[in-house]
Amino acid sequence: MSTSGVNTAGFYADFGALSALRKDVKAGNDPQAIREAARQFESLFTDMMLKAMRAAKLGDGLGDTEESDLYQEMYDQQLALQMSQGKGLGLADLLVQQLTRSAATNGASGAPASTAGAGAPGAAGSAPVATGNGSTAAPAATHAQKISFIQMLTPYAQHAGAQLGVAPESLIAQAALETGWGQHVPSGGSSSSHNLFGIKAGGSWQGASVAAPTQEYQQGAAFGATQSFRAYSSLQQGVNDYVTLLQRTAALQPALGTGTDVAAFASALQRGGYATDPHYAAKLTATADLVQSLRAGVQAAALKLPAGLPKTSGGESA
């Protein structure tokens, strides 16, 4: 069965076609390819949402069999296809907006920050700050990886943001900028450093450290280097050290209490020497905009559930 604008029923799970569309989007920035890729992703997302809702039901019904489950899955696939047509859930429109402006924000949203510390004192007294590990040859994070990174870091960012007087989105954006959405966290072999904010290990740092490549800036010119980064036993310890760094570093304290003004937060970090990249504040602001857009898309998709889905006895969607 096919629907308007969809080639076949296999379209929704055709990851090969989705990969081909990604190449078209990157190669030619074709508006039609962008729209098609966005619609495919919305269809995939909708189907996964329906599967999660079905899995949440309490036990099997009296008439449930393997055959009925198969037909239910086929129905959900077709429902996902239908829901992605026209205006759909609105997620495709948000993706189109994101992809069409990706060229302008690619440096901010697809790779780790190509910056390095300028010697600002750290929590221990003299440890410089660094940003990014410079692994620009690695693949950029996918849309799904970006959403997963946001969801993973949100509770940590909420707690740290409350301590710093900064919106969680600003902190998530900085971590995303520093690590390429969690894809390039400095690591020692197979062990992660849990250092999402690119904090260097200065001479007074007494904890563990890992060496990782980064991109430095000197008089506006970028060059590669290997630096020593702080390593933590857990993500919570890494976030705690970041909070302490901002609270105890006089040059960075103007970033505190900036609330939802991500531009003020980013500018204060750049002026305080957190990074040597002359475009750090602009990149951080653009990444924060993307974080908000992604979160809005997920929330909109979760709220706009299709009518007629089975309900549990508690009145919630099954």
Protein backbone atom coordinates (compact mmCIF):
# COMPACT_ATOMS: atom_id res chain seq x y z
CA MET A 1 0.00 0.00 0.00
CA SER A 2 1.27 3.45 -0.81
CA THR A 3 0.14 6.89 0.24
CA SER A 4 0.54 10.29 -1.33
CA GLY A 5 4.17 11.39 -1.26
CA VAL A 6 5.41 8.00 -0.06
CA ASN A 7 6.89 5.51 -2.49
CA THR A 8 6.13 2.23 -0.75
CA ALA A 9 5.06 0.85 2.58
CA GLY A 10 8.67 -0.18 3.12
CA PHE A 11 9.61 3.49 3.09
CA TYR A 12 9.22 3.91 6.83
CA ALA A 13 11.92 1.36 7.65
CA ASP A 14 14.15 1.91 4.63
CA PHE A 15 17.33 2.99 6.39
CA GLY A 16 19.28 2.61 3.15
CA ALA A 17 17.07 5.18 1.47
CA LEU A 18 17.43 7.43 4.50
CA SER A 19 21.23 7.21 4.21
CA ALA A 20 21.01 8.07 0.52
CA LEU A 21 18.86 11.08 1.33
CA ARG A 22 21.41 12.21 3.92
CA LYS A 23 24.08 12.17 1.19
CA ASP A 24 21.83 14.21 -1.10
CA VAL A 25 21.20 16.72 1.67
CA LYS A 26 24.92 17.09 2.39
CA ALA A 27 26.00 17.14 -1.25
CA GLY A 28 23.58 19.57 -2.81
CA ASN A 29 21.48 21.04 -0.04
CA ASP A 30 18.47 20.14 -2.25
CA PRO A 31 15.25 21.44 -0.63
CA GLN A 32 13.30 18.43 -1.90
CA ALA A 33 15.85 16.00 -0.45
CA ILE A 34 15.74 17.88 2.85
CA ARG A 35 11.93 17.70 2.97
CA GLU A 36 11.94 13.99 2.08
CA ALA A 37 14.57 13.18 4.73
CA ALA A 38 12.63 15.12 7.35
CA ARG A 39 9.41 13.32 6.45
CA GLN A 40 11.13 9.93 6.62
CA PHE A 41 12.51 10.72 10.05
CA GLU A 42 9.10 11.85 11.30
CA SER A 43 7.61 8.58 10.07
CA LEU A 44 10.31 6.59 11.86
CA PHE A 45 9.89 8.62 15.02
CA THR A 46 6.11 8.20 14.96
CA ASP A 47 6.39 4.44 14.52
CA MET A 48 8.83 4.18 17.43
CA MET A 49 6.47 6.27 19.55
CA LEU A 50 3.55 3.97 18.69
CA LYS A 51 5.64 0.89 19.53
CA ALA A 52 6.56 2.38 22.90
CA MET A 53 2.91 3.12 23.61
CA ARG A 54 1.86 -0.42 22.69
CA ALA A 55 4.60 -1.86 24.89
CA ALA A 56 3.29 0.12 27.87
CA LYS A 57 0.00 -1.81 28.04
CA LEU A 58 -0.57 -4.02 31.05
CA GLY A 59 -0.37 -7.64 29.89
CA ASP A 60 -1.90 -9.32 26.83
CA GLY A 61 -5.52 -9.04 25.83
CA LEU A 62 -7.81 -12.08 25.55
CA GLY A 63 -7.65 -12.04 21.76
CA ASP A 64 -3.92 -11.34 21.45
CA THR A 65 -1.97 -13.79 19.27
CA GLU A 66 1.23 -13.69 17.26
CA GLU A 67 -0.86 -13.05 14.16
CA SER A 68 -2.78 -10.20 15.77
CA ASP A 69 0.49 -8.68 16.98
CA LEU A 70 1.83 -8.83 13.42
CA TYR A 71 -1.27 -7.13 12.02
CA GLN A 72 -1.08 -4.55 14.81
CA GLU A 73 2.52 -3.78 13.89
CA MET A 74 1.59 -3.45 10.20
CA TYR A 75 -1.27 -1.14 11.18
CA ASP A 76 1.06 1.00 13.26
CA GLN A 77 3.49 1.27 10.33
CA GLN A 78 0.74 2.46 8.04
CA LEU A 79 -0.55 4.81 10.71
CA ALA A 80 2.93 6.28 11.05
CA LEU A 81 3.06 6.78 7.29
CA GLN A 82 -0.31 8.51 7.24
CA MET A 83 0.56 10.74 10.19
CA SER A 84 3.74 11.94 8.49
CA GLN A 85 1.80 13.26 5.49
CA GLY A 86 0.65 16.84 5.10
CA LYS A 87 1.60 18.84 8.17
CA GLY A 88 2.12 15.64 10.16
CA LEU A 89 3.21 16.11 13.75
CA GLY A 90 5.16 19.25 12.91
CA LEU A 91 8.48 17.51 13.56
CA ALA A 92 9.35 17.39 9.85
CA ASP A 93 8.92 21.17 9.57
CA LEU A 94 11.30 21.69 12.48
CA LEU A 95 13.81 19.33 10.89
CA VAL A 96 13.61 21.19 7.59
CA GLN A 97 14.33 24.45 9.39
CA GLN A 98 17.27 22.84 11.16
CA LEU A 99 18.75 21.22 8.06
CA THR A 100 18.41 24.30 5.87
CA ARG A 101 20.35 26.40 8.34
CA SER A 102 22.87 23.66 9.14
CA ALA A 103 25.45 25.22 6.84
CA ALA A 104 25.50 28.33 9.02
CA THR A 105 25.68 26.42 12.29
CA ASN A 106 27.63 23.35 11.19
CA GLY A 107 30.68 24.37 13.12
CA ALA A 108 28.58 24.84 16.22
CA SER A 109 26.33 21.79 16.06
CA GLY A 110 28.11 19.01 14.25
CA ALA A 111 31.64 18.88 15.63
CA PRO A 112 33.44 19.56 18.87
CA ALA A 113 34.45 23.11 19.58
CA SER A 114 37.68 23.99 17.83
CA THR A 115 38.97 26.12 20.67
CA ALA A 116 41.33 25.86 23.59
CA GLY A 117 41.89 27.31 27.02
CA ALA A 118 43.53 30.65 27.44
CA GLY A 119 44.97 29.99 30.86
CA ALA A 120 42.01 30.99 33.03
CA PRO A 121 42.54 29.69 36.58
CA GLY A 122 40.63 26.54 37.37
CA ALA A 123 38.97 25.29 40.54
CA ALA A 124 42.28 24.18 41.94
CA GLY A 125 43.83 27.59 41.45
CA SER A 126 45.78 27.48 38.19
CA ALA A 127 44.30 24.85 35.88
CA PRO A 128 43.48 26.34 32.49
CA VAL A 129 40.20 25.75 30.74
CA ALA A 130 39.99 24.03 27.37
CA THR A 131 37.18 23.40 24.96
CA GLY A 132 36.70 20.45 22.65
CA ASN A 133 39.08 17.60 21.86
CA GLY A 134 39.54 18.62 18.26
CA SER A 135 38.53 15.29 16.74
CA THR A 136 37.06 16.95 13.68
CA ALA A 137 37.71 13.91 11.45
CA ALA A 138 35.10 11.85 13.29
CA PRO A 139 31.53 11.67 11.92
CA ALA A 140 29.13 14.35 13.10
CA ALA A 141 26.43 13.37 15.56
CA THR A 142 23.14 12.21 14.10
CA HIS A 143 19.80 13.79 14.91
CA ALA A 144 18.93 10.85 17.19
CA GLN A 145 22.27 11.12 18.99
CA LYS A 146 21.69 14.82 19.62
CA ILE A 147 18.27 14.13 21.14
CA SER A 148 19.70 11.30 23.26
CA PHE A 149 22.49 13.58 24.49
CA ILE A 150 19.98 16.27 25.49
CA GLN A 151 17.82 13.76 27.38
CA MET A 152 20.83 12.23 29.14
CA LEU A 153 22.30 15.54 30.28
CA THR A 154 19.06 17.36 31.19
CA PRO A 155 18.85 16.31 34.88
CA TYR A 156 22.51 17.20 35.45
CA ALA A 157 22.09 20.53 33.65
CA GLN A 158 18.98 21.39 35.66
CA HIS A 159 20.79 20.89 38.96
CA ALA A 160 23.96 22.68 37.82
CA GLY A 161 21.93 25.49 36.26
CA ALA A 162 20.14 26.10 39.54
CA GLN A 163 23.52 26.45 41.29
CA LEU A 164 24.89 28.82 38.67
CA GLY A 165 21.74 30.80 37.89
CA VAL A 166 21.95 29.68 34.26
CA ALA A 167 19.30 28.03 32.09
CA PRO A 168 19.87 24.27 31.62
CA GLU A 169 19.73 24.72 27.84
CA SER A 170 22.83 26.93 27.98
CA LEU A 171 24.81 24.27 29.83
CA ILE A 172 23.59 21.47 27.55
CA ALA A 173 24.58 23.59 24.56
CA GLN A 174 28.06 24.19 25.92
CA ALA A 175 28.59 20.49 26.60
CA ALA A 176 27.31 19.72 23.09
CA LEU A 177 29.67 22.29 21.59
CA GLU A 178 32.63 21.01 23.60
CA THR A 179 32.15 17.32 22.76
CA GLY A 180 30.29 17.22 19.45
CA TRP A 181 27.07 16.14 21.23
CA GLY A 182 28.92 13.62 23.39
CA GLN A 183 30.64 11.92 20.45
CA HIS A 184 34.13 13.25 21.20
CA VAL A 185 34.57 13.20 24.97
CA PRO A 186 38.29 13.02 25.86
CA SER A 187 39.10 9.45 26.81
CA GLY A 188 41.97 7.29 27.92
CA GLY A 189 41.70 4.23 25.73
CA SER A 190 38.28 2.68 26.33
CA SER A 191 37.63 4.70 29.47
CA SER A 192 35.71 7.98 29.23
CA SER A 193 36.96 11.01 31.12
CA HIS A 194 33.34 12.16 31.74
CA ASN A 195 34.69 15.62 30.92
CA LEU A 196 31.86 17.21 28.93
CA PHE A 197 33.05 20.78 29.36
CA GLY A 198 36.60 20.44 28.05
CA ILE A 199 38.39 21.40 31.27
CA LYS A 200 42.16 21.08 31.02
CA ALA A 201 44.32 19.47 33.70
CA GLY A 202 46.65 22.24 34.86
CA GLY A 203 49.76 21.86 36.97
CA SER A 204 47.85 22.03 40.25
CA TRP A 205 45.26 19.41 39.25
CA GLN A 206 45.71 16.41 41.56
CA GLY A 207 43.21 14.08 39.91
CA ALA A 208 43.40 11.76 36.93
CA SER A 209 43.89 13.10 33.41
CA VAL A 210 43.84 11.96 29.80
CA ALA A 211 45.67 13.27 26.75
CA ALA A 212 43.50 14.17 23.75
CA PRO A 213 43.89 16.17 20.53
CA THR A 214 42.38 19.63 20.44
CA GLN A 215 42.41 22.66 18.19
CA GLU A 216 44.05 25.77 19.56
CA TYR A 217 43.71 29.35 18.35
CA GLN A 218 46.53 31.88 18.38
CA GLN A 219 45.98 35.36 16.95
CA GLY A 220 42.92 34.02 15.16
CA ALA A 221 44.76 31.13 13.48
CA ALA A 222 43.84 27.53 14.34
CA PHE A 223 46.39 24.76 14.86
CA GLY A 224 46.21 21.23 16.24
CA ALA A 225 47.74 20.17 19.52
CA THR A 226 47.52 17.46 22.16
CA GLN A 227 46.46 18.60 25.61
CA SER A 228 45.90 17.03 29.00
CA PHE A 229 42.27 17.04 30.17
CA ARG A 230 40.82 16.34 33.58
CA ALA A 231 39.29 12.90 34.01
CA TYR A 232 36.47 12.08 36.41
CA SER A 233 35.08 8.86 37.84
CA SER A 234 31.51 9.82 36.88
CA LEU A 235 29.54 12.33 34.89
CA GLN A 236 28.21 13.85 38.10
CA GLN A 237 31.75 14.50 39.35
CA GLY A 238 32.60 16.16 36.05
CA VAL A 239 29.56 18.44 36.19
CA ASN A 240 30.31 19.29 39.83
CA ASP A 241 33.85 20.32 38.93
CA TYR A 242 32.55 22.50 36.11
CA VAL A 243 30.21 24.28 38.54
CA THR A 244 33.08 24.81 40.97
CA LEU A 245 35.28 26.14 38.17
CA LEU A 246 32.78 28.83 37.21
CA GLN A 247 32.05 29.75 40.82
CA ARG A 248 35.71 30.09 41.85
CA THR A 249 37.17 31.67 38.72
CA ALA A 250 36.81 35.44 38.99
CA ALA A 251 37.11 35.98 35.24
CA LEU A 252 34.22 33.58 34.57
CA GLN A 253 31.85 34.74 37.30
CA PRO A 254 30.08 37.30 35.04
CA ALA A 255 28.56 34.24 33.32
CA LEU A 256 26.72 33.37 36.54
CA GLY A 257 23.15 34.52 36.96
CA THR A 258 22.58 35.09 33.24
CA GLY A 259 19.43 32.96 33.33
CA THR A 260 17.88 32.34 29.93
CA ASP A 261 20.07 34.93 28.21
CA VAL A 262 22.36 32.47 26.45
CA ALA A 263 24.08 35.26 24.49
CA ALA A 264 25.11 36.95 27.74
CA PHE A 265 26.29 33.60 29.15
CA ALA A 266 28.33 32.79 26.04
CA SER A 267 29.85 36.26 25.77
CA ALA A 268 30.87 36.24 29.43
CA LEU A 269 32.62 32.89 28.99
CA GLN A 270 34.51 34.13 25.96
CA ARG A 271 35.55 37.38 27.66
CA GLY A 272 36.63 35.40 30.72
CA GLY A 273 39.05 33.31 28.68
CA TYR A 274 37.15 30.04 28.64
CA ALA A 275 38.05 29.68 24.97
CA THR A 276 40.45 31.13 22.43
CA ASP A 277 38.11 30.59 19.47
CA PRO A 278 37.09 34.11 18.41
CA HIS A 279 33.69 32.73 17.36
CA TYR A 280 33.03 30.73 20.52
CA ALA A 281 30.15 32.89 21.78
CA ALA A 282 28.37 32.79 18.42
CA LYS A 283 28.78 29.03 18.16
CA LEU A 284 27.49 28.49 21.68
CA THR A 285 24.47 30.71 21.05
CA ALA A 286 23.66 28.86 17.81
CA THR A 287 23.97 25.50 19.55
CA ALA A 288 21.63 26.64 22.33
CA ASP A 289 19.07 27.62 19.68
CA LEU A 290 19.35 24.13 18.23
CA VAL A 291 18.95 22.52 21.67
CA GLN A 292 15.71 24.46 22.20
CA SER A 293 14.47 23.55 18.73
CA LEU A 294 15.14 19.85 19.24
CA ARG A 295 13.48 19.81 22.65
CA ALA A 296 10.45 21.63 21.27
CA GLY A 297 10.17 19.11 18.44
CA VAL A 298 10.24 16.12 20.77
CA GLN A 299 7.69 17.69 23.12
CA ALA A 300 5.36 18.60 20.26
CA ALA A 301 5.54 15.08 18.84
CA ALA A 302 4.83 13.52 22.23
CA LEU A 303 1.82 15.77 22.85
CA LYS A 304 0.20 15.43 19.43
CA LEU A 305 -0.90 11.81 19.78
CA PRO A 306 -3.29 10.30 17.21
CA ALA A 307 -6.95 9.96 18.09
CA GLY A 308 -8.47 6.52 18.48
CA LEU A 309 -5.52 4.74 20.05
CA PRO A 310 -6.38 2.13 22.69
CA LYS A 311 -6.60 3.43 26.24
CA THR A 312 -5.65 1.76 29.49
CA SER A 313 -8.04 1.58 32.38
CA GLY A 314 -6.32 4.65 33.81
CA GLY A 315 -7.21 6.70 30.73
CA GLU A 316 -3.64 6.90 29.42
CA SER A 317 -2.61 5.91 25.93
CA ALA A 318 -1.55 2.28 25.73
